[in-house]
Protein backbone atom coordinates (compact mmCIF):
# COMPACT_ATOMS: atom_id res chain seq x y z
CA UNK A 1 106.97 97.01 104.13
CA UNK A 2 103.24 97.28 103.79
CA UNK A 3 101.07 96.54 100.76
CA UNK A 4 98.56 99.33 100.20
CA UNK A 5 95.36 98.86 98.20
CA UNK A 6 94.97 100.58 94.84
CA UNK A 7 93.36 103.99 95.27
CA UNK A 8 90.06 104.86 93.61
CA UNK A 9 90.16 106.86 90.39
CA UNK A 10 88.88 110.03 92.07
CA UNK A 11 91.62 109.78 94.69
CA UNK A 12 94.34 109.59 92.03
CA UNK A 13 93.05 112.54 89.99
CA UNK A 14 95.07 115.28 91.76
CA UNK A 15 98.23 113.19 91.40
CA UNK A 16 97.66 112.81 87.65
CA UNK A 17 98.22 116.55 87.23
CA UNK A 18 101.90 116.09 88.16
CA UNK A 19 102.70 112.41 87.42
CA UNK A 20 102.13 109.66 84.88
CA UNK A 21 99.34 107.21 85.76
CA UNK A 22 101.56 104.48 87.26
CA UNK A 23 103.57 106.89 89.38
CA UNK A 24 100.45 108.83 90.37
CA UNK A 25 98.78 105.64 91.60
CA UNK A 26 101.85 104.62 93.62
CA UNK A 27 102.26 108.01 95.32
CA UNK A 28 98.52 108.31 95.97
CA UNK A 29 98.49 104.85 97.60
CA UNK A 30 101.42 105.91 99.81
CA UNK A 31 99.56 109.08 100.74
CA UNK A 32 96.40 107.15 101.66
CA UNK A 33 98.47 104.67 103.70
CA UNK A 34 99.84 107.64 105.70
CA UNK A 35 103.47 106.63 105.26
CA UNK A 36 106.23 108.40 107.18
CA UNK A 37 108.40 108.77 104.08
CA UNK A 38 108.46 107.71 100.43
CA UNK A 39 111.79 106.20 99.38
CA UNK A 40 112.60 105.98 95.67
CA UNK A 41 115.41 106.03 93.14
CA UNK A 42 113.03 107.69 90.65
CA UNK A 43 114.10 111.25 91.30
CA UNK A 44 113.17 112.40 87.80
CA UNK A 45 109.44 111.86 88.35
CA UNK A 46 108.80 111.83 92.10
CA UNK A 47 111.02 114.83 92.82
CA UNK A 48 109.79 116.92 89.90
CA UNK A 49 108.52 120.43 90.53
CA UNK A 50 105.21 120.42 92.40
CA UNK A 51 105.09 116.73 93.31
CA UNK A 52 106.10 117.21 96.95
CA UNK A 53 103.15 119.60 97.41
CA UNK A 54 100.78 116.64 96.88
CA UNK A 55 101.87 114.85 100.06
CA UNK A 56 102.70 115.58 103.68
CA UNK A 57 105.72 113.29 103.96
CA UNK A 58 109.28 113.52 102.62
CA UNK A 59 110.15 111.99 99.25
CA UNK A 60 113.75 110.82 99.50
CA UNK A 61 116.41 108.63 97.91
CA UNK A 62 117.43 105.44 99.79
CA UNK A 63 120.47 106.99 101.50
CA UNK A 64 118.32 109.78 102.93
CA UNK A 65 115.63 107.25 103.83
CA UNK A 66 118.17 105.41 105.96
CA UNK A 67 119.13 108.67 107.67
CA UNK A 68 115.47 109.35 108.47
CA UNK A 69 114.99 105.80 109.75
CA UNK A 70 118.03 106.09 112.01
CA UNK A 71 116.73 109.39 113.39
CA UNK A 72 113.30 107.86 114.07
CA UNK A 73 114.70 104.82 115.92
CA UNK A 74 117.27 106.73 117.99
CA UNK A 75 114.90 107.24 120.94
CA UNK A 76 114.42 103.48 121.16
CA UNK A 77 118.15 102.67 121.12
CA UNK A 78 119.72 101.52 124.31
């Protein structure tokens, strides 16, 4: 886990068109931190129509996050 700083108001603005302020700030911070994936149980908000177009990483539930993680670490397995 990594703690990302709060984004500036102008950085959050595009996210506010699709999400409530708290969720917009969280997803914007993840975007600025250049995460590989965003894992959440909040499918109602973060997987709503148009939200995925704001970012260049997958937004997934924990089970799918584990599948992605396993796929990413496979090359390093012995």
